[in-house]
Protein backbone atom coordinates (compact mmCIF):
# COMPACT_ATOMS: atom_id res chain seq x y z
CA UNK A 1 -22.60 -9.96 6.37
CA UNK A 2 -20.12 -7.36 5.14
CA UNK A 3 -19.21 -6.32 8.68
CA UNK A 4 -18.41 -9.95 9.49
CA UNK A 5 -16.00 -10.18 6.57
CA UNK A 6 -13.77 -7.26 7.57
CA UNK A 7 -13.58 -6.88 11.34
CA UNK A 8 -10.26 -5.06 11.65
CA UNK A 9 -7.42 -3.60 9.60
CA UNK A 10 -5.56 -6.93 9.47
CA UNK A 11 -8.51 -8.51 7.66
CA UNK A 12 -8.02 -6.12 4.75
CA UNK A 13 -4.77 -7.96 3.93
CA UNK A 14 -6.84 -10.97 2.81
CA UNK A 15 -8.91 -8.64 0.63
CA UNK A 16 -5.89 -7.11 -1.11
CA UNK A 17 -4.22 -10.52 -1.55
CA UNK A 18 -7.35 -11.72 -3.37
CA UNK A 19 -7.11 -8.81 -5.78
CA UNK A 20 -3.46 -9.68 -6.46
CA UNK A 21 -4.44 -13.29 -7.07
CA UNK A 22 -7.14 -12.31 -9.56
CA UNK A 23 -4.68 -10.11 -11.45
CA UNK A 24 -2.03 -12.84 -11.45
CA UNK A 25 -4.46 -15.30 -13.03
CA UNK A 26 -5.33 -13.06 -15.97
CA UNK A 27 -3.88 -13.96 -19.36
CA UNK A 28 -2.54 -10.39 -19.63
CA UNK A 29 -1.40 -10.11 -16.00
CA UNK A 30 1.01 -7.24 -15.34
CA UNK A 31 2.56 -9.12 -12.41
CA UNK A 32 2.53 -12.67 -11.13
CA UNK A 33 1.96 -13.43 -7.46
CA UNK A 34 1.62 -17.23 -7.20
CA UNK A 35 1.27 -17.05 -3.40
CA UNK A 36 -1.61 -14.59 -3.32
CA UNK A 37 -4.50 -17.06 -3.70
CA UNK A 38 -3.22 -19.24 -0.87
CA UNK A 39 -2.76 -16.23 1.41
CA UNK A 40 -6.16 -14.69 0.60
CA UNK A 41 -8.11 -17.84 1.32
CA UNK A 42 -11.82 -18.16 0.70
CA UNK A 43 -12.56 -15.20 2.92
CA UNK A 44 -10.44 -12.81 0.87
CA UNK A 45 -12.42 -13.60 -2.28
CA UNK A 46 -15.70 -13.14 -0.43
CA UNK A 47 -14.49 -9.66 0.48
CA UNK A 48 -13.85 -8.90 -3.19
CA UNK A 49 -17.35 -10.04 -4.11
CA UNK A 50 -18.79 -7.84 -1.36
CA UNK A 51 -16.92 -4.75 -2.58
CA UNK A 52 -19.44 -2.25 -4.05
CA UNK A 53 -16.93 -0.89 -6.60
CA UNK A 54 -14.84 -4.00 -7.11
CA UNK A 55 -13.73 -3.21 -10.69
CA UNK A 56 -12.52 0.25 -9.71
CA UNK A 57 -10.87 -1.23 -6.63
CA UNK A 58 -9.11 -3.81 -8.81
CA UNK A 59 -7.73 -1.06 -11.05
CA UNK A 60 -6.46 0.87 -8.01
CA UNK A 61 -4.85 -2.19 -6.41
CA UNK A 62 -3.12 -3.29 -9.62
CA UNK A 63 -1.70 0.17 -10.29
CA UNK A 64 -0.70 0.49 -6.63
CA UNK A 65 1.19 -2.79 -6.82
CA UNK A 66 3.06 -1.98 -10.03
CA UNK A 67 3.63 1.65 -9.02
CA UNK A 68 5.18 0.73 -5.69
CA UNK A 69 7.23 -2.03 -7.37
CA UNK A 70 8.73 0.71 -9.55
CA UNK A 71 9.48 2.94 -6.58
CA UNK A 72 11.18 0.08 -4.73
CA UNK A 73 13.43 -0.57 -7.71
CA UNK A 74 14.31 3.13 -7.87
CA UNK A 75 15.27 3.09 -4.18
CA UNK A 76 17.38 -0.04 -4.70
CA UNK A 77 19.19 1.69 -7.58
CA UNK A 78 19.94 4.56 -5.17
CA UNK A 79 21.79 2.24 -2.85
CA UNK A 80 19.51 1.19 -0.02
CA UNK A 81 20.65 -1.79 2.06
CA UNK A 82 17.39 -2.48 3.91
CA UNK A 83 13.66 -2.39 3.19
CA UNK A 84 11.36 -2.06 6.21
CA UNK A 85 7.74 -2.78 5.33
CA UNK A 86 5.51 -1.41 8.10
CA UNK A 87 2.06 -2.98 8.27
CA UNK A 88 3.29 -5.48 5.68
CA UNK A 89 0.11 -7.55 5.74
CA UNK A 90 0.28 -10.33 3.15
CA UNK A 91 2.68 -8.60 0.77
CA UNK A 92 4.90 -11.08 -1.12
CA UNK A 93 7.45 -8.85 -2.82
CA UNK A 94 10.44 -10.66 -1.21
CA UNK A 95 9.25 -13.79 -3.06
CA UNK A 96 8.00 -12.45 -6.38
CA UNK A 97 10.39 -9.56 -7.17
CA UNK A 98 13.93 -10.14 -8.55
CA UNK A 99 15.65 -8.50 -5.59
CA UNK A 100 19.40 -8.35 -4.80
CA UNK A 101 20.33 -11.42 -2.77
CA UNK A 102 22.17 -9.29 -0.22
CA UNK A 103 19.21 -6.98 0.39
CA UNK A 104 17.73 -7.15 3.88
CA UNK A 105 13.92 -7.05 3.98
CA UNK A 106 12.04 -6.60 7.27
CA UNK A 107 8.27 -7.03 7.61
CA UNK A 108 6.47 -5.60 10.64
CA UNK A 109 2.86 -6.29 11.57
CA UNK A 110 0.58 -7.42 14.38
CA UNK A 111 1.49 -10.78 15.97
CA UNK A 112 -1.56 -12.58 14.53
CA UNK A 113 -0.65 -11.49 10.99
CA UNK A 114 3.00 -12.50 11.42
CA UNK A 115 1.96 -15.92 12.77
CA UNK A 116 -0.47 -16.51 9.89
CA UNK A 117 2.07 -15.48 7.27
CA UNK A 118 4.88 -17.55 8.79
CA UNK A 119 2.67 -20.63 8.74
CA UNK A 120 1.39 -20.12 5.19
CA UNK A 121 4.83 -19.41 3.72
CA UNK A 122 7.02 -21.66 5.84
CA UNK A 123 8.12 -23.72 2.81
CA UNK A 124 8.68 -20.79 0.46
CA UNK A 125 12.11 -19.30 -0.24
CA UNK A 126 12.48 -15.50 -0.51
CA UNK A 127 14.85 -13.85 -2.97
CA UNK A 128 16.68 -11.88 -0.26
CA UNK A 129 17.31 -11.88 3.51
CA UNK A 130 13.81 -11.77 5.04
CA UNK A 131 12.92 -11.10 8.66
CA UNK A 132 9.49 -10.71 10.26
CA UNK A 133 8.85 -8.78 13.46
CA UNK A 134 5.62 -8.82 15.45
CA UNK A 135 4.84 -5.36 16.82
CA UNK A 136 1.93 -3.02 17.46
CA UNK A 137 2.89 0.07 15.48
CA UNK A 138 0.00 2.03 17.00
CA UNK A 139 1.77 1.91 20.36
CA UNK A 140 3.97 5.02 20.32
CA UNK A 141 6.62 3.69 22.70
CA UNK A 142 6.82 0.29 21.03
CA UNK A 143 7.14 1.95 17.61
CA UNK A 144 9.92 4.28 18.79
CA UNK A 145 11.84 1.37 20.34
CA UNK A 146 11.49 -0.65 17.15
CA UNK A 147 12.66 2.23 14.95
CA UNK A 148 15.67 2.79 17.20
CA UNK A 149 16.52 -0.92 17.04
CA UNK A 150 16.13 -1.20 13.27
CA UNK A 151 17.77 2.16 12.63
CA UNK A 152 20.93 1.03 14.42
CA UNK A 153 21.32 -2.04 12.20
CA UNK A 154 21.22 -0.40 8.76
CA UNK A 155 22.82 2.48 6.88
CA UNK A 156 20.33 3.39 4.17
CA UNK A 157 16.83 2.05 4.70
CA UNK A 158 13.65 2.34 2.66
CA UNK A 159 10.40 2.43 4.63
CA UNK A 160 7.17 1.21 3.01
CA UNK A 161 3.70 1.96 4.39
CA UNK A 162 1.53 0.56 1.59
CA UNK A 163 -2.15 0.76 2.51
CA UNK A 164 -1.34 1.97 6.03
CA UNK A 165 -1.66 5.76 6.25
CA UNK A 166 -5.28 5.79 5.06
CA UNK A 167 -6.37 3.97 8.22
CA UNK A 168 -4.60 6.43 10.54
CA UNK A 169 -5.95 9.65 11.97
CA UNK A 170 -4.28 12.83 10.74
CA UNK A 171 -2.46 13.09 14.07
CA UNK A 172 -1.24 9.48 13.88
CA UNK A 173 -0.03 10.06 10.32
CA UNK A 174 1.91 13.12 11.43
CA UNK A 175 3.49 11.22 14.32
CA UNK A 176 4.48 8.30 12.10
CA UNK A 177 6.05 10.72 9.64
CA UNK A 178 8.00 12.43 12.42
CA UNK A 179 9.26 9.13 13.84
CA UNK A 180 10.45 7.87 10.45
CA UNK A 181 12.12 11.20 9.64
CA UNK A 182 13.85 11.30 13.04
CA UNK A 183 15.56 7.94 12.46
CA UNK A 184 18.85 8.88 10.82
CA UNK A 185 19.34 5.76 8.71
CA UNK A 186 15.78 5.82 7.32
CA UNK A 187 16.55 7.62 4.04
CA UNK A 188 13.46 6.94 1.90
CA UNK A 189 9.75 6.40 2.45
CA UNK A 190 7.18 4.96 0.03
CA UNK A 191 3.47 5.50 0.67
CA UNK A 192 0.24 5.54 -1.30
CA UNK A 193 -1.87 8.63 -0.83
CA UNK A 194 -5.41 9.80 -1.46
CA UNK A 195 -6.49 13.30 -2.35
CA UNK A 196 -10.13 14.33 -2.64
CA UNK A 197 -11.37 10.74 -3.08
CA UNK A 198 -12.53 10.51 0.53
CA UNK A 199 -15.42 12.87 -0.15
CA UNK A 200 -16.53 11.19 -3.36
CA UNK A 201 -19.71 9.11 -3.40
CA UNK A 202 -17.77 6.04 -4.47
CA UNK A 203 -15.58 6.36 -1.40
CA UNK A 204 -18.78 6.31 0.62
CA UNK A 205 -19.74 3.09 -1.17
CA UNK A 206 -16.37 1.58 -0.26
CA UNK A 207 -16.80 2.48 3.40
CA UNK A 208 -19.78 0.11 3.54
CA UNK A 209 -17.45 -2.86 3.95
CA UNK A 210 -14.94 -0.94 6.10
CA UNK A 211 -17.14 -0.01 9.05
CA UNK A 212 -14.79 -1.82 11.46
CA UNK A 213 -11.61 -0.70 9.70
CA UNK A 214 -12.49 2.90 8.81
CA UNK A 215 -10.48 5.10 6.47
CA UNK A 216 -9.58 8.11 8.61
CA UNK A 217 -6.71 10.07 7.08
CA UNK A 218 -8.42 12.97 5.31
CA UNK A 219 -6.03 15.84 4.61
CA UNK A 220 -6.84 17.48 1.27
CA UNK A 221 -3.21 17.59 0.06
CA UNK A 222 -1.19 14.67 1.50
CA UNK A 223 1.96 15.59 -0.42
CA UNK A 224 2.02 19.08 1.05
CA UNK A 225 1.15 17.65 4.46
CA UNK A 226 4.22 15.39 4.56
CA UNK A 227 6.65 17.74 2.81
CA UNK A 228 5.84 20.26 5.54
CA UNK A 229 7.47 17.72 7.90
CA UNK A 230 10.75 17.91 5.98
CA UNK A 231 10.26 15.18 3.35
CA UNK A 232 11.14 15.84 -0.28
CA UNK A 233 9.37 14.22 -3.23
CA UNK A 234 11.80 12.11 -5.26
CA UNK A 235 9.23 10.32 -7.41
CA UNK A 236 5.46 10.73 -7.67
CA UNK A 237 3.41 8.24 -9.70
CA UNK A 238 -0.20 9.13 -10.50
CA UNK A 239 -3.04 6.62 -10.70
CA UNK A 240 -4.14 7.14 -14.32
CA UNK A 241 -0.59 7.60 -15.61
CA UNK A 242 0.41 4.26 -14.13
CA UNK A 243 -2.68 2.69 -15.69
CA UNK A 244 -1.55 3.98 -19.09
CA UNK A 245 1.93 2.57 -18.56
CA UNK A 246 0.69 -0.94 -17.82
CA UNK A 247 -2.10 -0.84 -20.41
CA UNK A 248 -5.05 -0.65 -18.04
CA UNK A 249 -7.99 1.75 -18.12
CA UNK A 250 -10.10 2.93 -15.23
CA UNK A 251 -13.53 1.22 -15.52
CA UNK A 252 -16.32 3.52 -16.74
CA UNK A 253 -18.44 5.49 -14.32
CA UNK A 254 -22.20 5.80 -14.33
CA UNK A 255 -24.18 8.92 -15.25
CA UNK A 256 -23.58 11.81 -14.63
CA UNK A 257 -19.88 11.23 -13.95
CA UNK A 258 -19.33 9.55 -17.33
CA UNK A 259 -20.83 12.59 -19.08
CA UNK A 260 -18.58 14.99 -17.19
CA UNK A 261 -15.53 12.93 -18.18
CA UNK A 262 -16.54 13.02 -21.83
CA UNK A 263 -17.17 16.77 -21.80
CA UNK A 264 -14.05 17.72 -19.85
CA UNK A 265 -11.52 14.90 -20.43
CA UNK A 266 -8.39 16.95 -19.61
CA UNK A 267 -9.79 18.29 -16.36
CA UNK A 268 -11.26 14.91 -15.43
CA UNK A 269 -7.85 13.29 -15.91
CA UNK A 270 -6.17 15.93 -13.78
CA UNK A 271 -8.68 15.35 -10.99
CA UNK A 272 -8.44 11.57 -11.38
CA UNK A 273 -4.67 11.61 -11.08
CA UNK A 274 -4.85 13.73 -7.95
CA UNK A 275 -7.21 11.35 -6.18
CA UNK A 276 -4.67 8.57 -5.77
CA UNK A 277 -0.94 8.09 -6.22
CA UNK A 278 2.27 6.54 -4.96
CA UNK A 279 5.20 8.62 -3.78
CA UNK A 280 8.85 8.06 -2.93
CA UNK A 281 9.89 10.57 -0.29
CA UNK A 282 13.49 11.26 0.67
CA UNK A 283 15.29 13.48 3.14
């Protein structure tokens, strides 16, 4: 049943949209995404119910959303003229964020995802200039052509790869990094990253519903991995710190992990922060 729910990476967009919808409908919601429930559909909510660690996943997705919102605003303050969201999925930031009206926002994803999103949102009005491009970013030549095309039409662009790098191999992640860095007008890059989480038992639980969209990127220190390619860290937001900022707490773990956290709270927090975060890279 679980394998039928998520059959490819594009399906995970329904899953994440459902989490955004559930957050938006809380009385104490930290963001409002009125389009998320429509985009997720019934299938997206079934995916949430099938998630073995759904409360922990909800915490991670909420902090990821608010953390990346913050990083986008920082990049806007630094004078970007274009946002290019690679593997945009069902993200709705051009509709729900108070963006500058003259900002250009470009979403890139597989043709089936672009078609679905265009149909679902055809009557909605974005806050800025929005363009969608259908492309297979896993095709090296197609990606390079697209980057050259987009790079020639902007001066200071922000690239977003939210929820993308984790599904790439280490080699694919390195190549994506190199291609973004090589495009002169691509000044900033936002990504979410995982540290040692991949080897944790709860990550194994999560993989149960991702057998057809496996998490592959597994370098132990993603920040060091990408800074070795020339990127510099401008802002780095940690999972638990962002939770504190928005007033959310990571759901409790079962024994023996809960005991370890109680006995070594400082060390546990340090490890927890390193497992997941959101970074704004610059050149």
